[in-house]
C-alpha atoms as a PDB file:
ATOM      1  CA  MET A   1       0.000   0.000   0.000  1.00  0.00           C
ATOM      2  CA  SER A   2       1.275   3.479  -0.831  1.00  0.00           C
ATOM      3  CA  VAL A   3       1.457   5.516   2.362  1.00  0.00           C
ATOM      4  CA  PRO A   4       1.993   8.842   0.531  1.00  0.00           C
ATOM      5  CA  HIS A   5      -1.134   8.299  -1.555  1.00  0.00           C
ATOM      6  CA  VAL A   6      -3.156   7.268   1.482  1.00  0.00           C
ATOM      7  CA  LEU A   7      -2.105  10.376   3.396  1.00  0.00           C
ATOM      8  CA  LEU A   8      -2.996  12.560   0.415  1.00  0.00           C
ATOM      9  CA  GLY A   9      -6.394  10.874   0.241  1.00  0.00           C
ATOM     10  CA  LEU A  10      -6.999  11.381   3.943  1.00  0.00           C
ATOM     11  CA  LEU A  11      -6.002  15.037   3.692  1.00  0.00           C
ATOM     12  CA  GLU A  12      -8.218  15.875   0.759  1.00  0.00           C
ATOM     13  CA  PRO A  13     -11.540  16.132   2.625  1.00  0.00           C
ATOM     14  CA  GLU A  14     -10.018  18.454   5.247  1.00  0.00           C
ATOM     15  CA  PRO A  15      -6.635  19.557   6.601  1.00  0.00           C
ATOM     16  CA  SER A  16      -5.344  17.492   9.511  1.00  0.00           C
ATOM     17  CA  HIS A  17      -2.489  17.176  11.979  1.00  0.00           C
ATOM     18  CA  GLY A  18       0.004  14.356  11.559  1.00  0.00           C
ATOM     19  CA  TYR A  19      -1.325  12.640  14.675  1.00  0.00           C
ATOM     20  CA  GLU A  20      -4.908  12.730  13.348  1.00  0.00           C
ATOM     21  CA  LEU A  21      -3.769  11.328   9.994  1.00  0.00           C
ATOM     22  CA  LYS A  22      -1.945   8.463  11.695  1.00  0.00           C
ATOM     23  CA  GLN A  23      -5.023   7.659  13.812  1.00  0.00           C
ATOM     24  CA  GLU A  24      -7.341   7.714  10.799  1.00  0.00           C
ATOM     25  CA  TYR A  25      -4.911   5.582   8.767  1.00  0.00           C
ATOM     26  CA  ASP A  26      -4.767   3.008  11.561  1.00  0.00           C
ATOM     27  CA  SER A  27      -8.547   3.039  11.973  1.00  0.00           C
ATOM     28  CA  LEU A  28      -9.284   2.498   8.283  1.00  0.00           C
ATOM     29  CA  PHE A  29      -6.288   0.505   7.006  1.00  0.00           C
ATOM     30  CA  GLY A  30      -3.832  -0.356   9.760  1.00  0.00           C
ATOM     31  CA  GLN A  31      -5.596  -2.859  11.980  1.00  0.00           C
ATOM     32  CA  GLU A  32      -2.958  -5.489  11.169  1.00  0.00           C
ATOM     33  CA  ARG A  33      -0.055  -3.097  10.632  1.00  0.00           C
ATOM     34  CA  PRO A  34      -0.409   0.360  12.209  1.00  0.00           C
ATOM     35  CA  LEU A  35       1.472   3.226  10.606  1.00  0.00           C
ATOM     36  CA  PRO A  36       4.516   4.150  12.697  1.00  0.00           C
ATOM     37  CA  PHE A  37       4.539   7.808  13.799  1.00  0.00           C
ATOM     38  CA  GLY A  38       8.002   8.301  12.311  1.00  0.00           C
ATOM     39  CA  GLN A  39       6.851   7.069   8.918  1.00  0.00           C
ATOM     40  CA  ALA A  40       3.786   9.313   9.010  1.00  0.00           C
ATOM     41  CA  TYR A  41       5.832  12.435   9.741  1.00  0.00           C
ATOM     42  CA  SER A  42       8.676  11.605   7.348  1.00  0.00           C
ATOM     43  CA  THR A  43       6.139  10.960   4.576  1.00  0.00           C
ATOM     44  CA  LEU A  44       4.412  14.278   5.307  1.00  0.00           C
ATOM     45  CA  GLY A  45       7.810  15.969   5.157  1.00  0.00           C
ATOM     46  CA  ARG A  46       8.535  14.478   1.725  1.00  0.00           C
ATOM     47  CA  LEU A  47       5.062  15.408   0.476  1.00  0.00           C
ATOM     48  CA  GLU A  48       5.625  18.967   1.699  1.00  0.00           C
ATOM     49  CA  ARG A  49       9.075  19.089   0.085  1.00  0.00           C
ATOM     50  CA  ASP A  50       7.552  17.902  -3.206  1.00  0.00           C
ATOM     51  CA  GLY A  51       4.768  20.504  -3.075  1.00  0.00           C
ATOM     52  CA  GLN A  52       1.938  17.992  -2.626  1.00  0.00           C
ATOM     53  CA  VAL A  53       0.964  19.159   0.860  1.00  0.00           C
ATOM     54  CA  ALA A  54       1.429  22.496   2.586  1.00  0.00           C
ATOM     55  CA  VAL A  55       1.329  23.554   6.199  1.00  0.00           C
ATOM     56  CA  ALA A  56      -2.012  25.265   6.721  1.00  0.00           C
ATOM     57  CA  GLY A  57      -1.281  26.572  10.180  1.00  0.00           C
ATOM     58  CA  ALA A  58       0.304  25.453  13.398  1.00  0.00           C
ATOM     59  CA  GLU A  59      -0.994  25.295  16.939  1.00  0.00           C
ATOM     60  CA  PRO A  60       1.064  25.310  20.116  1.00  0.00           C
ATOM     61  CA  GLY A  61       1.161  22.037  21.986  1.00  0.00           C
ATOM     62  CA  GLY A  62       3.026  20.428  24.851  1.00  0.00           C
ATOM     63  CA  GLY A  63       6.098  20.105  22.617  1.00  0.00           C
ATOM     64  CA  PRO A  64       6.745  21.450  19.156  1.00  0.00           C
ATOM     65  CA  ASP A  65       3.933  23.309  17.411  1.00  0.00           C
ATOM     66  CA  ARG A  66       1.388  20.988  15.830  1.00  0.00           C
ATOM     67  CA  LYS A  67       1.322  21.532  12.079  1.00  0.00           C
ATOM     68  CA  ARG A  68      -1.946  21.233  10.221  1.00  0.00           C
ATOM     69  CA  TYR A  69      -1.367  19.886   6.711  1.00  0.00           C
ATOM     70  CA  ALA A  70      -3.515  20.510   3.629  1.00  0.00           C
ATOM     71  CA  ILE A  71      -3.322  18.904   0.210  1.00  0.00           C
ATOM     72  CA  THR A  72      -2.177  21.137  -2.672  1.00  0.00           C
ATOM     73  CA  PRO A  73      -3.375  21.031  -6.293  1.00  0.00           C
ATOM     74  CA  ALA A  74      -0.248  19.008  -7.163  1.00  0.00           C
ATOM     75  CA  GLY A  75      -1.185  16.552  -4.419  1.00  0.00           C
ATOM     76  CA  VAL A  76      -4.738  16.263  -5.746  1.00  0.00           C
ATOM     77  CA  THR A  77      -3.355  15.512  -9.218  1.00  0.00           C
ATOM     78  CA  ARG A  78      -1.030  12.829  -7.830  1.00  0.00           C
ATOM     79  CA  LEU A  79      -3.893  11.280  -5.861  1.00  0.00           C
ATOM     80  CA  GLU A  80      -6.271  11.318  -8.832  1.00  0.00           C
ATOM     81  CA  ASP A  81      -3.654   9.687 -11.081  1.00  0.00           C
ATOM     82  CA  TRP A  82      -3.038   6.936  -8.518  1.00  0.00           C
ATOM     83  CA  LEU A  83      -6.741   6.292  -7.929  1.00  0.00           C
ATOM     84  CA  ARG A  84      -7.472   6.100 -11.639  1.00  0.00           C
ATOM     85  CA  GLU A  85      -4.623   3.696 -12.459  1.00  0.00           C
ATOM     86  CA  PRO A  86      -5.565   0.024 -12.032  1.00  0.00           C
ATOM     87  CA  GLU A  87      -3.170  -1.991  -9.908  1.00  0.00           C
ATOM     88  CA  PRO A  88      -1.225  -4.776 -11.603  1.00  0.00           C
ATOM     89  CA  PRO A  89      -3.481  -7.817 -11.180  1.00  0.00           C
ATOM     90  CA  GLU A  90      -1.737 -10.174  -8.802  1.00  0.00           C
ATOM     91  CA  PRO A  91      -2.513 -12.168  -5.680  1.00  0.00           C
ATOM     92  CA  TYR A  92      -2.956 -10.205  -2.470  1.00  0.00           C
ATOM     93  CA  LEU A  93      -4.146  -7.029  -4.176  1.00  0.00           C
ATOM     94  CA  GLN A  94      -7.035  -6.527  -1.798  1.00  0.00           C
ATOM     95  CA  SER A  95      -5.520  -4.092   0.682  1.00  0.00           C
ATOM     96  CA  THR A  96      -4.426  -1.631  -2.016  1.00  0.00           C
ATOM     97  CA  LEU A  97      -7.678  -1.929  -3.908  1.00  0.00           C
ATOM     98  CA  PHE A  98      -9.696  -1.559  -0.693  1.00  0.00           C
ATOM     99  CA  THR A  99      -7.649   1.533   0.161  1.00  0.00           C
ATOM    100  CA  LYS A 100      -8.390   3.082  -3.231  1.00  0.00           C
ATOM    101  CA  VAL A 101     -12.115   2.418  -2.828  1.00  0.00           C
ATOM    102  CA  VAL A 102     -12.220   3.989   0.645  1.00  0.00           C
ATOM    103  CA  LEU A 103     -10.211   7.037  -0.429  1.00  0.00           C
ATOM    104  CA  ALA A 104     -12.401   7.486  -3.510  1.00  0.00           C
ATOM    105  CA  LEU A 105     -15.505   7.425  -1.325  1.00  0.00           C
ATOM    106  CA  LEU A 106     -13.981   9.837   1.200  1.00  0.00           C
ATOM    107  CA  SER A 107     -13.246  12.309  -1.589  1.00  0.00           C
ATOM    108  CA  GLU A 108     -16.537  11.706  -3.424  1.00  0.00           C
ATOM    109  CA  ARG A 109     -14.764  10.304  -6.480  1.00  0.00           C
ATOM    110  CA  PRO A 110     -16.257   7.549  -8.659  1.00  0.00           C
ATOM    111  CA  ALA A 111     -15.263   4.435  -6.702  1.00  0.00           C
ATOM    112  CA  ALA A 112     -17.430   2.282  -8.986  1.00  0.00           C
ATOM    113  CA  ALA A 113     -15.453   3.474 -12.015  1.00  0.00           C
ATOM    114  CA  TYR A 114     -12.191   2.502 -10.306  1.00  0.00           C
ATOM    115  CA  LEU A 115     -13.595  -0.943  -9.560  1.00  0.00           C
ATOM    116  CA  ASP A 116     -14.691  -1.265 -13.202  1.00  0.00           C
ATOM    117  CA  ALA A 117     -11.192  -0.351 -14.409  1.00  0.00           C
ATOM    118  CA  GLN A 118      -9.684  -2.884 -12.033  1.00  0.00           C
ATOM    119  CA  ARG A 119     -12.132  -5.533 -13.216  1.00  0.00           C
ATOM    120  CA  ALA A 120     -11.066  -4.877 -16.829  1.00  0.00           C
ATOM    121  CA  ALA A 121      -7.379  -5.140 -15.871  1.00  0.00           C
ATOM    122  CA  HIS A 122      -8.060  -8.445 -14.112  1.00  0.00           C
ATOM    123  CA  MET A 123      -9.961  -9.823 -17.092  1.00  0.00           C
ATOM    124  CA  SER A 124      -7.107  -8.895 -19.428  1.00  0.00           C
ATOM    125  CA  ARG A 125      -4.555 -10.606 -17.169  1.00  0.00           C
ATOM    126  CA  MET A 126      -6.798 -13.663 -16.899  1.00  0.00           C
ATOM    127  CA  ARG A 127      -6.916 -13.939 -20.713  1.00  0.00           C
ATOM    128  CA  GLU A 128      -3.101 -13.862 -20.779  1.00  0.00           C
ATOM    129  CA  LEU A 129      -2.866 -16.542 -18.103  1.00  0.00           C
ATOM    130  CA  THR A 130      -5.452 -18.709 -19.866  1.00  0.00           C
ATOM    131  CA  ALA A 131      -3.272 -18.656 -22.990  1.00  0.00           C
ATOM    132  CA  VAL A 132      -0.251 -19.696 -20.897  1.00  0.00           C
ATOM    133  CA  ARG A 133      -2.305 -22.447 -19.311  1.00  0.00           C
ATOM    134  CA  ARG A 134      -3.408 -23.834 -22.684  1.00  0.00           C
ATOM    135  CA  ALA A 135       0.110 -23.727 -24.135  1.00  0.00           C
ATOM    136  CA  GLY A 136       1.477 -25.956 -21.362  1.00  0.00           C
ATOM    137  CA  PRO A 137       3.568 -27.718 -20.202  1.00  0.00           C
ATOM    138  CA  LEU A 138       1.779 -28.955 -17.108  1.00  0.00           C
ATOM    139  CA  SER A 139       4.129 -27.159 -14.695  1.00  0.00           C
ATOM    140  CA  ARG A 140       3.385 -23.769 -16.304  1.00  0.00           C
ATOM    141  CA  SER A 141      -0.306 -24.624 -16.589  1.00  0.00           C
ATOM    142  CA  LEU A 142      -0.484 -25.305 -12.856  1.00  0.00           C
ATOM    143  CA  LEU A 143       1.247 -22.005 -12.057  1.00  0.00           C
ATOM    144  CA  ALA A 144      -1.189 -20.200 -14.350  1.00  0.00           C
ATOM    145  CA  ASP A 145      -4.078 -21.958 -12.579  1.00  0.00           C
ATOM    146  CA  HIS A 146      -2.776 -20.728  -9.226  1.00  0.00           C
ATOM    147  CA  ALA A 147      -2.725 -17.138 -10.415  1.00  0.00           C
ATOM    148  CA  LEU A 148      -6.123 -17.479 -12.128  1.00  0.00           C
ATOM    149  CA  PHE A 149      -7.776 -18.754  -8.952  1.00  0.00           C
ATOM    150  CA  HIS A 150      -6.449 -15.763  -7.008  1.00  0.00           C
ATOM    151  CA  LEU A 151      -7.630 -13.355  -9.683  1.00  0.00           C
ATOM    152  CA  GLU A 152     -11.074 -14.997  -9.675  1.00  0.00           C
ATOM    153  CA  ALA A 153     -11.273 -14.395  -5.936  1.00  0.00           C
ATOM    154  CA  ASP A 154     -10.324 -10.740  -6.513  1.00  0.00           C
ATOM    155  CA  LEU A 155     -13.095 -10.447  -9.105  1.00  0.00           C
ATOM    156  CA  ARG A 156     -15.632 -11.810  -6.633  1.00  0.00           C
ATOM    157  CA  TRP A 157     -14.447  -9.236  -4.101  1.00  0.00           C
ATOM    158  CA  ILE A 158     -14.661  -6.439  -6.702  1.00  0.00           C
ATOM    159  CA  ASP A 159     -18.246  -7.417  -7.535  1.00  0.00           C
ATOM    160  CA  LEU A 160     -19.243  -7.680  -3.878  1.00  0.00           C
ATOM    161  CA  THR A 161     -17.663  -4.329  -3.067  1.00  0.00           C
ATOM    162  CA  ALA A 162     -19.298  -2.631  -6.062  1.00  0.00           C
ATOM    163  CA  ALA A 163     -22.664  -3.870  -4.838  1.00  0.00           C
ATOM    164  CA  ARG A 164     -22.001  -2.472  -1.346  1.00  0.00           C
ATOM    165  CA  LEU A 165     -20.456   0.920  -2.149  1.00  0.00           C
ATOM    166  CA  ASP A 166     -23.406   2.864  -0.741  1.00  0.00           C
ATOM    167  CA  GLN A 167     -23.234   0.975   2.552  1.00  0.00           C
ATOM    168  CA  LEU A 168     -19.472   1.424   2.790  1.00  0.00           C
ATOM    169  CA  ALA A 169     -19.779   5.153   2.077  1.00  0.00           C
ATOM    170  CA  LYS A 170     -22.270   5.545   4.933  1.00  0.00           C
ATOM    171  CA  GLU A 171     -19.921   3.698   7.269  1.00  0.00           C
ATOM    172  CA  ILE A 172     -16.732   5.643   6.540  1.00  0.00           C
ATOM    173  CA  LEU A 173     -17.801   9.174   5.673  1.00  0.00           C
ATOM    174  CA  ARG A 174     -16.993  11.662   8.404  1.00  0.00           C
END
């Protein structure tokens, strides 16, 4: 999963402090692997350096001032490009694809269109693997079958998620 893209997506609806971004990341995507504070702040620093986020104010705290970050137009462009681009179809895609769906819903982008694009990418890859499977030998056919079964599971998830987008939006929108 791309932490910079996730942070941009979380910032788009409203500016936030680094701590708030880390908490929201963990709540939505980090149940198994929380985002370390150091990674959150170093990523925000790189995004600021690259002009994709800007400090939109600072508030005094118990230690250093707490910066409030906001996404810039360059950051919005980077986020939109990432959301629109289908992921390479491969096993274990779900967390990245789920992240894209949630961020699209949070920013009121067309999550269904992203799922459709991903479905098309999966179908194309499945056609390639089916050709490999038919060409043999058995060892390559079995490897192609393994990949096809994983992609079929992804397609089932894509269809299920597309059918539940309204419910998911109600659950995650702030």
